């Protein structure tokens, strides 16, 4: 089914830079930080928080008092009469948030929704689970971020092993992964041209980071923090992380901190809120998929195919593609199966280069997809990305320019 009523006003979205974990954002409460950024971004765009009748919060790593979720974030930005759900679907969280908001608009349950996505992988919670049957009554513990990166309780493998499984089964080589990683790095350099002109189309910069007291400045973040300069030769020299493997530290992403938000509304209100009412941005479809356990990178293909089918468009109709790329294996496999060249997607870079805070990663990619389509004069765009549990989610966007 093609969605008909879900629109995004042009420029009614924003993202912070992403900072590598234990970097400049490491001490910031993810929800308070996202609310502060959103409050400022709304004010800059002349959008009153009073217009929202729902807020959808996407977050995958608990923060202190996150039990209060979307109502708390709404109150912090000034939308005190608003409530909404928390969405947590690993790396597909942003796509699911957008899909949920689109469905609410389709059903006319809401008219104007703010999607807020945020995460802080730094200093993740150390969780203790009581277990009265444990030896001596001792409980179970979990380091929320690190332990879940390292072990899927169903597939019984680490994230990196899912990439290696796909590489081994499909014959994806280290050389192909190196080629993709270097290409994505060079594509990101295009986003930095002309004083980061592309990034400045949507990114909130600079950010004056305060200490925990809120009084002293400890950092000035003016762009993504953690992007590692590389060359084709440097990637070639890296050894695989696992014995007899193919994935290196240069061909996988890294945990990061940050947030990204998107306003979603009706067609008519989108015109009112848009910086340019001649630009119409519509969410056409959402789809998700799951593949056999331990083969996460493969899920991106059926998810994309379903989303395209639901939107009623073919791959030939798509003018821009953005993917969440935790491993270069993902893009190699996607291009093989979809008949694409490595350079046919991820212009201006992707999460392989600028990091992965889970919750907001997809939202930033969707925002970049919209901006790329605007630069191309409009058309259809595809976002696709894998997620924990050998799953993936995809969204088709349409940009019309009069």
Protein backbone atom coordinates (compact mmCIF):
# COMPACT_ATOMS: atom_id res chain seq x y z
CA UNK A 1 0.00 0.00 0.00
CA UNK A 2 1.29 3.44 -0.93
CA UNK A 3 1.08 5.89 1.96
CA UNK A 4 -0.79 9.02 0.89
CA UNK A 5 -0.96 11.41 3.83
CA UNK A 6 2.52 11.56 5.38
CA UNK A 7 4.65 14.58 4.49
CA UNK A 8 7.79 16.23 5.82
CA UNK A 9 8.11 20.02 5.53
CA UNK A 10 11.29 21.00 3.74
CA UNK A 11 14.02 21.91 6.28
CA UNK A 12 11.82 20.77 9.23
CA UNK A 13 14.46 18.25 10.29
CA UNK A 14 17.91 18.38 11.81
CA UNK A 15 20.76 16.32 13.19
CA UNK A 16 23.68 16.91 15.44
CA UNK A 17 27.09 15.83 14.28
CA UNK A 18 27.87 12.30 15.41
CA UNK A 19 30.74 11.94 17.89
CA UNK A 20 32.66 8.72 18.41
CA UNK A 21 31.84 7.13 21.75
CA UNK A 22 33.75 8.51 24.71
CA UNK A 23 34.09 11.74 22.75
CA UNK A 24 32.63 15.21 23.22
CA UNK A 25 29.03 14.04 23.79
CA UNK A 26 29.94 11.17 26.12
CA UNK A 27 28.59 12.78 29.31
CA UNK A 28 25.37 14.22 27.86
CA UNK A 29 22.04 12.64 28.76
CA UNK A 30 20.75 11.52 25.34
CA UNK A 31 17.13 12.62 25.85
CA UNK A 32 17.93 15.95 27.49
CA UNK A 33 20.48 16.65 24.76
CA UNK A 34 17.98 15.79 22.00
CA UNK A 35 15.30 17.97 23.61
CA UNK A 36 17.69 20.90 23.89
CA UNK A 37 18.76 20.58 20.25
CA UNK A 38 15.14 20.22 19.08
CA UNK A 39 13.98 23.22 21.08
CA UNK A 40 16.63 25.39 19.45
CA UNK A 41 16.03 23.99 15.96
CA UNK A 42 12.28 24.59 16.19
CA UNK A 43 12.84 28.17 17.34
CA UNK A 44 15.28 28.80 14.48
CA UNK A 45 12.67 27.55 12.00
CA UNK A 46 9.85 29.53 13.53
CA UNK A 47 7.92 26.37 14.44
CA UNK A 48 6.03 26.49 17.73
CA UNK A 49 6.15 23.29 19.80
CA UNK A 50 2.46 23.90 20.52
CA UNK A 51 1.51 22.67 17.04
CA UNK A 52 2.48 19.06 17.81
CA UNK A 53 -0.22 16.64 18.84
CA UNK A 54 2.16 13.68 19.18
CA UNK A 55 5.83 12.96 19.77
CA UNK A 56 7.51 9.69 18.81
CA UNK A 57 10.75 8.95 20.66
CA UNK A 58 13.31 6.54 19.25
CA UNK A 59 16.00 5.37 21.65
CA UNK A 60 17.77 2.04 22.15
CA UNK A 61 19.99 2.64 25.20
CA UNK A 62 18.28 3.49 28.50
CA UNK A 63 19.11 6.79 30.13
CA UNK A 64 18.28 7.92 33.66
CA UNK A 65 14.50 8.47 33.90
CA UNK A 66 13.93 7.28 30.34
CA UNK A 67 10.89 5.45 31.74
CA UNK A 68 9.10 8.78 31.18
CA UNK A 69 9.96 8.68 27.50
CA UNK A 70 8.19 10.81 24.92
CA UNK A 71 6.04 12.81 27.38
CA UNK A 72 9.20 14.00 29.13
CA UNK A 73 10.91 14.98 25.87
CA UNK A 74 7.74 16.74 24.72
CA UNK A 75 7.59 18.71 27.95
CA UNK A 76 11.26 19.68 27.69
CA UNK A 77 10.71 21.22 24.24
CA UNK A 78 7.56 23.06 25.36
CA UNK A 79 4.87 20.69 24.06
CA UNK A 80 3.53 20.03 27.54
CA UNK A 81 0.18 18.58 26.46
CA UNK A 82 1.64 15.95 24.17
CA UNK A 83 2.39 12.26 24.63
CA UNK A 84 3.51 9.38 22.44
CA UNK A 85 5.39 6.08 22.33
CA UNK A 86 8.98 4.99 22.74
CA UNK A 87 10.22 2.98 19.77
CA UNK A 88 13.22 0.70 20.22
CA UNK A 89 14.04 -1.53 17.27
CA UNK A 90 17.83 -1.59 17.35
CA UNK A 91 19.34 -0.03 14.21
CA UNK A 92 15.89 0.10 12.52
CA UNK A 93 14.56 2.42 15.22
CA UNK A 94 14.51 5.61 13.11
CA UNK A 95 12.80 3.93 10.18
CA UNK A 96 10.17 2.47 12.48
CA UNK A 97 9.61 5.87 14.12
CA UNK A 98 9.01 7.44 10.71
CA UNK A 99 6.74 4.56 9.73
CA UNK A 100 4.74 4.84 12.96
CA UNK A 101 4.29 8.59 12.47
CA UNK A 102 3.28 8.05 8.84
CA UNK A 103 0.67 5.50 9.87
CA UNK A 104 -0.73 7.87 12.51
CA UNK A 105 -1.12 10.53 9.82
CA UNK A 106 -2.64 8.01 7.42
CA UNK A 107 -5.24 7.06 10.03
CA UNK A 108 -5.78 10.74 10.89
CA UNK A 109 -5.00 10.06 14.54
CA UNK A 110 -2.61 13.03 14.54
CA UNK A 111 -1.96 16.03 12.34
CA UNK A 112 1.56 17.11 13.24
CA UNK A 113 4.13 14.78 14.82
CA UNK A 114 7.69 15.32 15.95
CA UNK A 115 9.97 12.30 15.61
CA UNK A 116 12.93 12.55 18.00
CA UNK A 117 15.66 9.92 17.81
CA UNK A 118 18.65 9.81 20.11
CA UNK A 119 21.23 7.55 21.68
CA UNK A 120 24.42 7.67 23.71
CA UNK A 121 26.54 4.58 23.30
CA UNK A 122 29.13 6.11 25.62
CA UNK A 123 28.94 5.12 29.27
CA UNK A 124 26.06 2.73 28.69
CA UNK A 125 24.15 1.30 31.64
CA UNK A 126 25.47 -1.60 33.68
CA UNK A 127 22.32 -3.57 34.45
CA UNK A 128 21.79 -5.97 37.33
CA UNK A 129 18.92 -8.48 37.03
CA UNK A 130 17.89 -10.14 40.32
CA UNK A 131 17.88 -13.93 40.17
CA UNK A 132 16.77 -15.63 43.39
CA UNK A 133 17.71 -18.99 41.90
CA UNK A 134 21.28 -17.92 41.21
CA UNK A 135 24.19 -19.40 43.16
CA UNK A 136 23.97 -17.85 46.60
CA UNK A 137 21.11 -15.68 45.38
CA UNK A 138 23.42 -13.73 43.10
CA UNK A 139 21.87 -12.06 40.09
CA UNK A 140 22.73 -11.64 36.43
CA UNK A 141 24.46 -8.59 34.99
CA UNK A 142 24.71 -6.99 31.58
CA UNK A 143 26.71 -4.14 30.10
CA UNK A 144 23.90 -2.90 27.89
CA UNK A 145 25.97 -1.66 24.94
CA UNK A 146 29.04 -3.85 24.91
CA UNK A 147 27.42 -7.18 25.75
CA UNK A 148 24.73 -6.77 23.11
CA UNK A 149 27.24 -5.83 20.44
CA UNK A 150 29.05 -9.01 21.26
CA UNK A 151 26.28 -11.57 21.55
CA UNK A 152 22.92 -12.28 19.92
CA UNK A 153 21.06 -14.65 22.28
CA UNK A 154 19.20 -16.29 19.39
CA UNK A 155 21.85 -16.51 16.68
CA UNK A 156 24.56 -16.92 19.35
CA UNK A 157 27.10 -14.78 17.57
CA UNK A 158 28.59 -11.29 17.63
CA UNK A 159 27.61 -8.61 15.13
CA UNK A 160 30.89 -8.95 13.26
CA UNK A 161 30.28 -12.66 12.79
CA UNK A 162 27.08 -11.93 10.85
CA UNK A 163 29.16 -9.98 8.35
CA UNK A 164 31.73 -12.75 8.15
CA UNK A 165 28.97 -15.34 7.62
CA UNK A 166 27.61 -13.44 4.62
CA UNK A 167 31.09 -12.80 3.24
CA UNK A 168 31.97 -16.49 3.46
CA UNK A 169 28.71 -17.79 1.99
CA UNK A 170 28.65 -15.33 -0.93
CA UNK A 171 32.38 -15.07 -1.61
CA UNK A 172 32.75 -11.40 -0.67
CA UNK A 173 36.45 -10.62 -0.43
CA UNK A 174 38.43 -8.31 1.80
CA UNK A 175 39.46 -6.40 -1.32
CA UNK A 176 35.85 -5.65 -2.23
CA UNK A 177 35.18 -4.44 1.31
CA UNK A 178 38.27 -2.24 1.21
CA UNK A 179 37.09 -0.76 -2.09
CA UNK A 180 33.69 0.12 -0.63
CA UNK A 181 35.15 1.58 2.57
CA UNK A 182 37.55 3.82 0.67
CA UNK A 183 34.83 4.92 -1.75
CA UNK A 184 32.47 5.84 1.11
CA UNK A 185 35.28 7.86 2.71
CA UNK A 186 35.86 9.78 -0.53
CA UNK A 187 32.10 10.34 -0.93
CA UNK A 188 32.05 11.84 2.56
CA UNK A 189 34.71 14.31 1.44
CA UNK A 190 32.10 15.71 -0.96
CA UNK A 191 29.94 16.52 2.07
CA UNK A 192 32.86 18.55 3.47
CA UNK A 193 33.41 20.65 0.34
CA UNK A 194 32.78 24.40 0.45
CA UNK A 195 33.00 24.50 4.24
CA UNK A 196 30.72 21.46 4.66
CA UNK A 197 27.98 22.97 2.49
CA UNK A 198 26.05 19.69 2.24
CA UNK A 199 26.17 18.94 5.96
CA UNK A 200 25.22 22.52 6.80
CA UNK A 201 21.94 22.04 4.92
CA UNK A 202 20.63 20.14 7.95
CA UNK A 203 23.25 19.83 10.67
CA UNK A 204 23.09 21.80 13.92
CA UNK A 205 26.56 23.32 14.31
CA UNK A 206 28.46 24.51 16.18
CA UNK A 207 27.45 22.89 19.47
CA UNK A 208 28.90 24.37 22.64
CA UNK A 209 29.17 21.36 24.94
CA UNK A 210 28.90 22.15 28.63
CA UNK A 211 30.24 20.20 31.60
CA UNK A 212 27.79 18.29 33.85
CA UNK A 213 27.08 21.47 35.82
CA UNK A 214 25.92 23.20 32.65
CA UNK A 215 28.16 26.21 33.28
CA UNK A 216 31.60 25.51 31.83
CA UNK A 217 32.25 24.85 28.13
CA UNK A 218 34.29 21.70 27.59
CA UNK A 219 34.16 21.36 23.80
CA UNK A 220 33.00 23.11 20.64
CA UNK A 221 31.75 20.51 18.15
CA UNK A 222 31.73 21.85 14.59
CA UNK A 223 31.32 18.59 12.68
CA UNK A 224 31.41 14.82 12.95
CA UNK A 225 33.98 13.68 15.50
CA UNK A 226 35.66 10.35 14.93
CA UNK A 227 35.89 10.11 11.15
CA UNK A 228 39.19 8.34 10.50
CA UNK A 229 41.21 9.55 7.49
CA UNK A 230 42.21 6.64 5.30
CA UNK A 231 43.71 5.62 1.98
CA UNK A 232 43.33 2.57 -0.22
CA UNK A 233 46.83 1.42 0.78
CA UNK A 234 46.11 1.85 4.50
CA UNK A 235 42.94 -0.23 4.24
CA UNK A 236 44.78 -2.92 2.31
CA UNK A 237 47.38 -3.22 5.08
CA UNK A 238 44.82 -3.79 7.85
CA UNK A 239 44.42 -7.34 9.06
CA UNK A 240 40.99 -8.92 9.60
CA UNK A 241 39.70 -8.73 13.17
CA UNK A 242 38.86 -12.43 13.33
CA UNK A 243 41.17 -15.32 12.39
CA UNK A 244 40.61 -16.33 8.75
CA UNK A 245 38.15 -13.46 8.43
CA UNK A 246 37.69 -10.60 5.96
CA UNK A 247 36.34 -7.69 8.05
CA UNK A 248 38.90 -5.21 9.40
CA UNK A 249 38.55 -2.22 11.71
CA UNK A 250 38.54 -0.11 8.54
CA UNK A 251 35.55 -1.86 6.98
CA UNK A 252 33.14 -1.57 9.91
CA UNK A 253 31.54 1.39 11.63
CA UNK A 254 32.02 2.50 15.23
CA UNK A 255 29.67 3.37 18.13
CA UNK A 256 28.80 7.06 18.43
CA UNK A 257 26.59 9.59 20.22
CA UNK A 258 24.11 12.06 18.76
CA UNK A 259 20.49 12.78 17.83
CA UNK A 260 18.29 13.60 14.84
CA UNK A 261 14.68 14.73 14.53
CA UNK A 262 12.03 15.04 11.80
CA UNK A 263 8.70 16.89 11.69
CA UNK A 264 5.92 14.93 9.97
CA UNK A 265 2.52 16.28 9.06
CA UNK A 266 -0.19 16.58 6.42
CA UNK A 267 0.31 17.87 2.90
CA UNK A 268 -1.30 21.24 3.58
CA UNK A 269 0.44 21.87 6.88
CA UNK A 270 3.76 20.81 5.36
CA UNK A 271 3.39 23.70 2.90
CA UNK A 272 2.82 26.08 5.80
CA UNK A 273 5.84 24.86 7.77
CA UNK A 274 8.22 24.38 4.85
CA UNK A 275 11.12 26.72 4.16
CA UNK A 276 10.17 26.30 0.50
CA UNK A 277 6.49 25.42 -0.14
CA UNK A 278 7.40 24.42 -3.69
CA UNK A 279 9.18 21.35 -2.34
CA UNK A 280 6.92 18.45 -1.30
CA UNK A 281 8.46 15.54 0.61
CA UNK A 282 6.30 12.44 0.96
CA UNK A 283 6.85 9.12 2.74
CA UNK A 284 5.52 6.48 0.34
CA UNK A 285 6.25 3.16 2.01
CA UNK A 286 7.92 1.24 4.81
CA UNK A 287 8.96 -2.39 4.88
CA UNK A 288 10.98 -4.72 7.06
CA UNK A 289 12.48 -8.16 6.60
CA UNK A 290 14.24 -10.91 8.52
CA UNK A 291 16.64 -13.55 7.19
CA UNK A 292 18.19 -16.71 8.57
CA UNK A 293 19.97 -16.30 11.85
CA UNK A 294 23.50 -15.04 11.78
CA UNK A 295 23.21 -13.40 8.33
CA UNK A 296 22.12 -9.84 9.15
CA UNK A 297 23.63 -8.17 6.08
CA UNK A 298 21.35 -10.17 3.79
CA UNK A 299 18.19 -8.61 5.23
CA UNK A 300 18.74 -5.32 3.41
CA UNK A 301 17.75 -6.84 0.07
CA UNK A 302 14.27 -8.22 0.89
CA UNK A 303 13.51 -5.10 2.94
CA UNK A 304 14.33 -2.87 -0.04
CA UNK A 305 12.41 -5.04 -2.47
CA UNK A 306 9.32 -4.97 -0.25
CA UNK A 307 9.48 -1.19 0.22
CA UNK A 308 9.83 -0.62 -3.53
CA UNK A 309 6.93 -2.96 -4.25
CA UNK A 310 4.70 -1.25 -1.70
CA UNK A 311 5.54 2.16 -3.16
CA UNK A 312 4.77 0.92 -6.66
CA UNK A 313 8.17 1.90 -8.04
CA UNK A 314 11.13 0.00 -9.41
CA UNK A 315 14.83 0.36 -8.71
CA UNK A 316 15.19 2.14 -12.05
CA UNK A 317 12.92 4.88 -10.71
CA UNK A 318 15.16 5.54 -7.70
CA UNK A 319 17.46 8.56 -8.03
CA UNK A 320 19.28 8.28 -4.70
CA UNK A 321 19.97 5.50 -2.20
CA UNK A 322 21.25 5.79 1.37
CA UNK A 323 22.07 2.76 3.48
CA UNK A 324 23.03 2.16 7.06
CA UNK A 325 26.33 0.35 6.58
CA UNK A 326 27.70 -1.16 9.80
CA UNK A 327 29.94 -3.33 7.64
CA UNK A 328 31.18 -2.79 4.10
CA UNK A 329 29.89 -6.32 3.46
CA UNK A 330 26.36 -4.87 3.53
CA UNK A 331 26.93 -2.62 0.55
CA UNK A 332 28.86 -5.24 -1.42
CA UNK A 333 26.02 -7.72 -0.99
CA UNK A 334 23.30 -5.15 -1.65
CA UNK A 335 24.95 -3.98 -4.88
CA UNK A 336 25.48 -7.53 -6.12
CA UNK A 337 21.89 -8.57 -5.51
CA UNK A 338 20.30 -5.36 -6.76
CA UNK A 339 22.51 -4.98 -9.84
CA UNK A 340 24.16 -1.75 -8.71
CA UNK A 341 27.68 -0.35 -8.77
CA UNK A 342 29.28 0.65 -5.48
CA UNK A 343 29.15 4.30 -6.57
CA UNK A 344 25.41 4.22 -7.26
CA UNK A 345 24.61 4.84 -3.62
CA UNK A 346 25.66 6.66 -0.45
CA UNK A 347 26.77 9.89 -2.04
CA UNK A 348 28.14 12.16 0.71
CA UNK A 349 29.07 9.13 2.82
CA UNK A 350 27.15 6.98 5.29
CA UNK A 351 27.29 5.50 8.78
CA UNK A 352 30.30 3.37 7.81
CA UNK A 353 32.22 6.67 7.86
CA UNK A 354 30.55 8.91 10.42
CA UNK A 355 29.52 6.40 13.05
CA UNK A 356 26.49 4.69 14.50
CA UNK A 357 24.48 5.82 17.54
CA UNK A 358 21.75 3.24 16.69
CA UNK A 359 18.58 5.25 17.34
CA UNK A 360 19.29 8.35 15.20
CA UNK A 361 21.45 6.74 12.50
CA UNK A 362 18.56 6.06 10.12
CA UNK A 363 16.99 9.47 10.72
CA UNK A 364 20.19 11.22 9.66
CA UNK A 365 20.40 9.03 6.57
CA UNK A 366 16.77 9.80 5.65
CA UNK A 367 17.48 13.52 6.09
CA UNK A 368 20.56 13.25 3.86
CA UNK A 369 18.48 11.32 1.32
CA UNK A 370 15.93 14.14 1.19
CA UNK A 371 18.61 16.79 0.75
CA UNK A 372 20.30 14.81 -2.01
CA UNK A 373 16.99 14.45 -3.85
CA UNK A 374 16.42 18.20 -3.57
CA UNK A 375 19.84 18.84 -5.11
CA UNK A 376 18.96 16.39 -7.90
CA UNK A 377 15.73 18.25 -8.68
CA UNK A 378 13.41 15.77 -6.99
CA UNK A 379 12.49 12.15 -7.53
CA UNK A 380 12.28 8.90 -5.59
CA UNK A 381 14.77 7.87 -2.91
CA UNK A 382 15.39 4.67 -0.98
CA UNK A 383 16.69 4.29 2.57
CA UNK A 384 17.68 0.81 3.69
CA UNK A 385 19.54 -0.55 6.68
CA UNK A 386 20.05 -3.74 8.66
CA UNK A 387 19.34 -4.16 12.36
CA UNK A 388 20.04 -6.57 15.19
CA UNK A 389 18.24 -9.89 15.01
CA UNK A 390 19.12 -10.44 11.33
CA UNK A 391 16.55 -7.85 10.27
CA UNK A 392 16.38 -4.74 8.12
CA UNK A 393 14.03 -1.84 7.41
CA UNK A 394 13.54 0.28 4.31
CA UNK A 395 11.66 3.46 3.39
CA UNK A 396 10.80 5.00 0.03
CA UNK A 397 10.64 8.80 -0.13
CA UNK A 398 9.36 11.02 -2.95
CA UNK A 399 10.44 14.65 -3.44
CA UNK A 400 8.45 16.84 -5.82
CA UNK A 401 9.75 20.27 -6.81
CA UNK A 402 7.49 22.69 -8.70
